[in-house]
Amino acid sequence: MWIPVIGENAGKIWKTLSSKGPMNISQLKKITKFDDKHMYFALGWLARESKIQFTTDKRQIIVSLN
């Protein structure tokens, strides 16, 4: 039941990063309107597939496409 939802959310995140470029998690949550649970499940999916990378800028985690 969760797998299709996580996959769809991962696709929304990927499309957002593709069109808008790297951004921090707060910005990504605001644009996608995902709560923490849905955001982190989808980020985990994309990270496991090596589709995204994480970097830090001061205290912010920046997400970008690989």
N, C-alpha and C. Protein backbone atom coordinates (compact mmCIF):
# COMPACT_ATOMS: atom_id res chain seq x y z
N MET A 1 0.81 -1.19 0.00
CA MET A 1 0.00 0.00 0.00
C MET A 1 0.86 1.27 0.00
N TRP A 2 1.93 1.29 0.77
CA TRP A 2 2.77 2.49 0.84
C TRP A 2 3.70 2.63 -0.36
N ILE A 3 4.11 1.53 -0.95
CA ILE A 3 5.11 1.59 -2.02
C ILE A 3 4.68 2.48 -3.18
N PRO A 4 3.46 2.36 -3.70
CA PRO A 4 3.07 3.26 -4.80
C PRO A 4 3.07 4.73 -4.40
N VAL A 5 2.64 5.03 -3.19
CA VAL A 5 2.62 6.42 -2.72
C VAL A 5 4.03 6.97 -2.61
N ILE A 6 4.92 6.18 -2.05
CA ILE A 6 6.31 6.61 -1.90
C ILE A 6 6.94 6.84 -3.28
N GLY A 7 6.67 5.95 -4.22
CA GLY A 7 7.19 6.10 -5.57
C GLY A 7 6.67 7.35 -6.26
N GLU A 8 5.38 7.63 -6.10
CA GLU A 8 4.80 8.84 -6.69
C GLU A 8 5.42 10.09 -6.07
N ASN A 9 5.58 10.09 -4.77
CA ASN A 9 6.18 11.24 -4.08
C ASN A 9 7.62 11.43 -4.50
N ALA A 10 8.34 10.33 -4.67
CA ALA A 10 9.72 10.42 -5.14
C ALA A 10 9.77 11.07 -6.52
N GLY A 11 8.82 10.72 -7.37
CA GLY A 11 8.74 11.33 -8.69
C GLY A 11 8.47 12.82 -8.62
N LYS A 12 7.61 13.24 -7.70
CA LYS A 12 7.32 14.66 -7.54
C LYS A 12 8.56 15.42 -7.08
N ILE A 13 9.30 14.82 -6.16
CA ILE A 13 10.53 15.47 -5.68
C ILE A 13 11.54 15.56 -6.81
N TRP A 14 11.70 14.48 -7.57
CA TRP A 14 12.66 14.47 -8.67
C TRP A 14 12.30 15.56 -9.69
N LYS A 15 11.02 15.65 -10.04
CA LYS A 15 10.58 16.66 -11.02
C LYS A 15 10.80 18.07 -10.49
N THR A 16 10.56 18.28 -9.21
CA THR A 16 10.77 19.59 -8.60
C THR A 16 12.24 19.98 -8.66
N LEU A 17 13.12 19.05 -8.28
CA LEU A 17 14.56 19.34 -8.32
C LEU A 17 15.04 19.53 -9.75
N SER A 18 14.46 18.79 -10.67
CA SER A 18 14.85 18.91 -12.07
C SER A 18 14.50 20.28 -12.63
N SER A 19 13.35 20.81 -12.24
CA SER A 19 12.92 22.09 -12.79
C SER A 19 13.46 23.29 -12.01
N LYS A 20 13.65 23.15 -10.71
CA LYS A 20 14.03 24.30 -9.89
C LYS A 20 15.47 24.25 -9.37
N GLY A 21 16.14 23.12 -9.52
CA GLY A 21 17.52 23.02 -9.07
C GLY A 21 17.62 22.64 -7.60
N PRO A 22 18.86 22.56 -7.10
CA PRO A 22 19.10 22.16 -5.70
C PRO A 22 18.38 23.08 -4.72
N MET A 23 17.92 22.50 -3.63
CA MET A 23 17.27 23.29 -2.58
C MET A 23 17.34 22.56 -1.25
N ASN A 24 17.12 23.31 -0.18
CA ASN A 24 17.15 22.67 1.12
C ASN A 24 15.82 21.95 1.36
N ILE A 25 15.81 21.12 2.38
CA ILE A 25 14.65 20.28 2.65
C ILE A 25 13.41 21.12 2.99
N SER A 26 13.60 22.21 3.71
CA SER A 26 12.46 23.08 4.04
C SER A 26 11.80 23.64 2.80
N GLN A 27 12.60 24.09 1.85
CA GLN A 27 12.06 24.62 0.59
C GLN A 27 11.33 23.52 -0.17
N LEU A 28 11.93 22.35 -0.20
CA LEU A 28 11.35 21.21 -0.91
C LEU A 28 10.01 20.81 -0.29
N LYS A 29 9.94 20.80 1.04
CA LYS A 29 8.68 20.49 1.72
C LYS A 29 7.61 21.52 1.41
N LYS A 30 7.98 22.78 1.38
CA LYS A 30 7.02 23.85 1.10
C LYS A 30 6.45 23.72 -0.31
N ILE A 31 7.31 23.44 -1.28
CA ILE A 31 6.87 23.33 -2.67
C ILE A 31 6.00 22.09 -2.89
N THR A 32 6.44 20.94 -2.35
CA THR A 32 5.71 19.69 -2.58
C THR A 32 4.51 19.53 -1.65
N LYS A 33 4.51 20.27 -0.54
CA LYS A 33 3.45 20.18 0.48
C LYS A 33 3.39 18.81 1.13
N PHE A 34 4.55 18.14 1.24
CA PHE A 34 4.63 16.85 1.93
C PHE A 34 4.88 17.08 3.41
N ASP A 35 4.31 16.20 4.24
CA ASP A 35 4.66 16.22 5.65
C ASP A 35 6.01 15.49 5.82
N ASP A 36 6.53 15.49 7.03
CA ASP A 36 7.85 14.88 7.27
C ASP A 36 7.92 13.43 6.82
N LYS A 37 6.91 12.64 7.19
CA LYS A 37 6.91 11.22 6.87
C LYS A 37 7.00 10.99 5.36
N HIS A 38 6.15 11.65 4.59
CA HIS A 38 6.14 11.47 3.15
C HIS A 38 7.42 12.00 2.50
N MET A 39 7.93 13.10 3.02
CA MET A 39 9.17 13.68 2.48
C MET A 39 10.34 12.72 2.66
N TYR A 40 10.52 12.23 3.89
CA TYR A 40 11.70 11.41 4.16
C TYR A 40 11.60 10.02 3.55
N PHE A 41 10.41 9.44 3.44
CA PHE A 41 10.27 8.18 2.72
C PHE A 41 10.70 8.36 1.26
N ALA A 42 10.21 9.42 0.63
CA ALA A 42 10.52 9.66 -0.78
C ALA A 42 12.00 9.99 -0.98
N LEU A 43 12.58 10.78 -0.08
CA LEU A 43 14.02 11.08 -0.19
C LEU A 43 14.84 9.80 -0.03
N GLY A 44 14.42 8.94 0.88
CA GLY A 44 15.12 7.67 1.06
C GLY A 44 15.06 6.81 -0.19
N TRP A 45 13.91 6.80 -0.84
CA TRP A 45 13.73 6.05 -2.09
C TRP A 45 14.71 6.56 -3.14
N LEU A 46 14.74 7.88 -3.32
CA LEU A 46 15.62 8.48 -4.33
C LEU A 46 17.09 8.29 -3.98
N ALA A 47 17.43 8.37 -2.71
CA ALA A 47 18.81 8.18 -2.29
C ALA A 47 19.24 6.73 -2.53
N ARG A 48 18.37 5.79 -2.24
CA ARG A 48 18.69 4.38 -2.44
C ARG A 48 18.93 4.08 -3.91
N GLU A 49 18.23 4.77 -4.78
CA GLU A 49 18.40 4.59 -6.23
C GLU A 49 19.51 5.47 -6.80
N SER A 50 20.24 6.18 -5.94
CA SER A 50 21.33 7.08 -6.34
C SER A 50 20.86 8.16 -7.31
N LYS A 51 19.64 8.63 -7.12
CA LYS A 51 19.09 9.69 -7.97
C LYS A 51 19.38 11.08 -7.42
N ILE A 52 19.65 11.17 -6.10
CA ILE A 52 19.90 12.46 -5.46
C ILE A 52 21.16 12.38 -4.62
N GLN A 53 21.65 13.56 -4.26
CA GLN A 53 22.78 13.64 -3.34
C GLN A 53 22.49 14.73 -2.31
N PHE A 54 23.10 14.58 -1.16
CA PHE A 54 22.92 15.53 -0.08
C PHE A 54 24.25 16.24 0.20
N THR A 55 24.20 17.53 0.38
CA THR A 55 25.35 18.30 0.81
C THR A 55 24.87 19.22 1.94
N THR A 56 25.80 19.84 2.61
CA THR A 56 25.41 20.77 3.66
C THR A 56 25.95 22.16 3.35
N ASP A 57 25.18 23.14 3.73
CA ASP A 57 25.57 24.53 3.62
C ASP A 57 25.24 25.15 4.97
N LYS A 58 26.28 25.36 5.76
CA LYS A 58 26.11 25.79 7.14
C LYS A 58 25.31 24.72 7.86
N ARG A 59 24.11 25.02 8.31
CA ARG A 59 23.31 24.03 9.04
C ARG A 59 22.18 23.46 8.20
N GLN A 60 22.15 23.75 6.91
CA GLN A 60 21.09 23.31 6.01
C GLN A 60 21.55 22.08 5.22
N ILE A 61 20.64 21.16 5.01
CA ILE A 61 20.90 20.02 4.12
C ILE A 61 20.33 20.38 2.75
N ILE A 62 21.20 20.34 1.75
CA ILE A 62 20.81 20.68 0.37
C ILE A 62 20.64 19.38 -0.41
N VAL A 63 19.54 19.28 -1.12
CA VAL A 63 19.25 18.11 -1.94
C VAL A 63 19.38 18.51 -3.40
N SER A 64 20.08 17.68 -4.17
CA SER A 64 20.22 17.94 -5.60
C SER A 64 20.20 16.62 -6.35
N LEU A 65 19.95 16.70 -7.64
CA LEU A 65 19.97 15.50 -8.48
C LEU A 65 21.39 15.07 -8.74
N ASN A 66 21.57 13.76 -8.89
CA ASN A 66 22.89 13.23 -9.27
C ASN A 66 23.12 13.38 -10.74
